[in-house]
Amino acid sequence: MKRLISSFVIALAVTVFSPLHAFAAGPDTEASVSAPININTADVQTLSQLKGIGEAKAQAIIAWREQNGPFDSVDELLQVKGIGEATLDDIRAKVAL
């Protein structure tokens, strides 16, 4: 019986502390963003997956895009109200044109 309990505890510990535990993030988490997000075509929900981009900033990105046409450079995101250097640095590798 002690052996069975010990085996169970070890199996539980391995499961909890396994690197595979990191892949348990759901589809609505930032961790799920794997392919770059196209800032010229993405909708509010998709843009909101980016770190530091909530619904309001996502809507601002889309509004800028509608008023000015497609982004020619990722750096143009700095022209969107509420997006500064720090936010751009956080998302630069996760966005594309």
Protein backbone atom coordinates (compact mmCIF):
# COMPACT_ATOMS: atom_id res chain seq x y z
CA MET A 1 0.00 0.00 0.00
CA LYS A 2 2.84 2.40 0.85
CA ARG A 3 4.39 1.61 -2.48
CA LEU A 4 1.15 2.42 -4.31
CA ILE A 5 0.80 5.77 -2.51
CA SER A 6 4.45 6.61 -3.19
CA SER A 7 4.00 5.82 -6.86
CA PHE A 8 0.89 7.98 -7.02
CA VAL A 9 2.64 10.93 -5.35
CA ILE A 10 5.60 10.65 -7.72
CA ALA A 11 3.33 10.44 -10.77
CA LEU A 12 1.38 13.46 -9.58
CA ALA A 13 4.56 15.47 -8.99
CA VAL A 14 5.91 14.59 -12.43
CA THR A 15 2.64 15.64 -14.05
CA VAL A 16 2.41 18.96 -12.20
CA PHE A 17 6.03 19.94 -12.71
CA SER A 18 6.37 18.62 -16.25
CA PRO A 19 7.37 21.05 -19.04
CA LEU A 20 4.26 19.89 -20.88
CA HIS A 21 2.24 21.73 -18.23
CA ALA A 22 3.19 24.96 -20.05
CA PHE A 23 1.23 23.81 -23.11
CA ALA A 24 -2.00 23.65 -21.13
CA ALA A 25 -2.68 27.35 -21.83
CA GLY A 26 -6.06 27.84 -23.41
CA PRO A 27 -6.67 29.41 -26.83
CA ASP A 28 -7.47 32.84 -25.36
CA THR A 29 -4.13 33.32 -23.66
CA GLU A 30 -1.17 35.26 -24.87
CA ALA A 31 0.90 32.08 -24.84
CA SER A 32 -1.20 30.79 -27.75
CA VAL A 33 0.10 33.43 -30.16
CA SER A 34 2.56 31.43 -32.24
CA ALA A 35 2.35 32.72 -35.80
CA PRO A 36 2.82 36.46 -36.34
CA ILE A 37 -0.40 38.46 -36.42
CA ASN A 38 -0.95 40.53 -39.54
CA ILE A 39 -1.74 44.03 -38.28
CA ASN A 40 -3.27 44.93 -41.65
CA THR A 41 -5.92 42.22 -41.56
CA ALA A 42 -6.39 41.12 -37.93
CA ASP A 43 -9.66 41.75 -36.13
CA VAL A 44 -10.11 43.08 -32.59
CA GLN A 45 -10.15 39.64 -31.00
CA THR A 46 -6.91 38.60 -32.71
CA LEU A 47 -5.08 41.85 -31.96
CA SER A 48 -6.18 41.63 -28.32
CA GLN A 49 -4.10 38.46 -27.93
CA LEU A 50 -0.94 40.57 -28.09
CA LYS A 51 0.74 41.62 -24.85
CA GLY A 52 -0.36 45.12 -23.87
CA ILE A 53 -3.08 45.30 -26.51
CA GLY A 54 -6.56 45.21 -25.05
CA GLU A 55 -9.82 45.73 -26.85
CA ALA A 56 -9.51 49.55 -26.89
CA LYS A 57 -6.01 49.54 -28.40
CA ALA A 58 -7.03 46.85 -30.89
CA GLN A 59 -9.94 49.05 -31.98
CA ALA A 60 -7.54 52.01 -32.24
CA ILE A 61 -5.25 49.96 -34.51
CA ILE A 62 -8.17 49.09 -36.76
CA ALA A 63 -9.42 52.70 -36.78
CA TRP A 64 -5.95 53.94 -37.76
CA ARG A 65 -5.81 51.33 -40.51
CA GLU A 66 -9.25 52.38 -41.82
CA GLN A 67 -8.29 56.07 -41.85
CA ASN A 68 -4.75 55.75 -43.22
CA GLY A 69 -4.71 52.54 -45.20
CA PRO A 70 -2.57 49.52 -44.46
CA PHE A 71 0.51 49.82 -42.30
CA ASP A 72 3.70 50.04 -44.36
CA SER A 73 5.89 49.32 -41.34
CA VAL A 74 5.42 47.83 -37.89
CA ASP A 75 6.94 51.07 -36.56
CA GLU A 76 3.83 52.92 -37.75
CA LEU A 77 2.03 51.39 -34.77
CA LEU A 78 3.64 54.21 -32.78
CA GLN A 79 1.19 56.55 -34.51
CA VAL A 80 -1.73 54.69 -32.91
CA LYS A 81 -2.94 56.39 -29.73
CA GLY A 82 -1.94 54.37 -26.69
CA ILE A 83 0.92 52.47 -28.29
CA GLY A 84 4.37 53.54 -27.21
CA GLU A 85 7.89 52.23 -27.56
CA ALA A 86 7.54 49.70 -24.72
CA THR A 87 4.38 48.15 -26.15
CA LEU A 88 5.88 48.07 -29.62
CA ASP A 89 9.02 46.36 -28.29
CA ASP A 90 6.83 43.75 -26.57
CA ILE A 91 4.87 42.88 -29.72
CA ARG A 92 7.36 43.54 -32.53
CA ALA A 93 8.32 39.87 -32.96
CA LYS A 94 4.67 38.79 -32.86
CA VAL A 95 3.29 41.02 -35.61
CA ALA A 96 3.72 41.16 -39.36
CA LEU A 97 2.43 43.10 -42.36
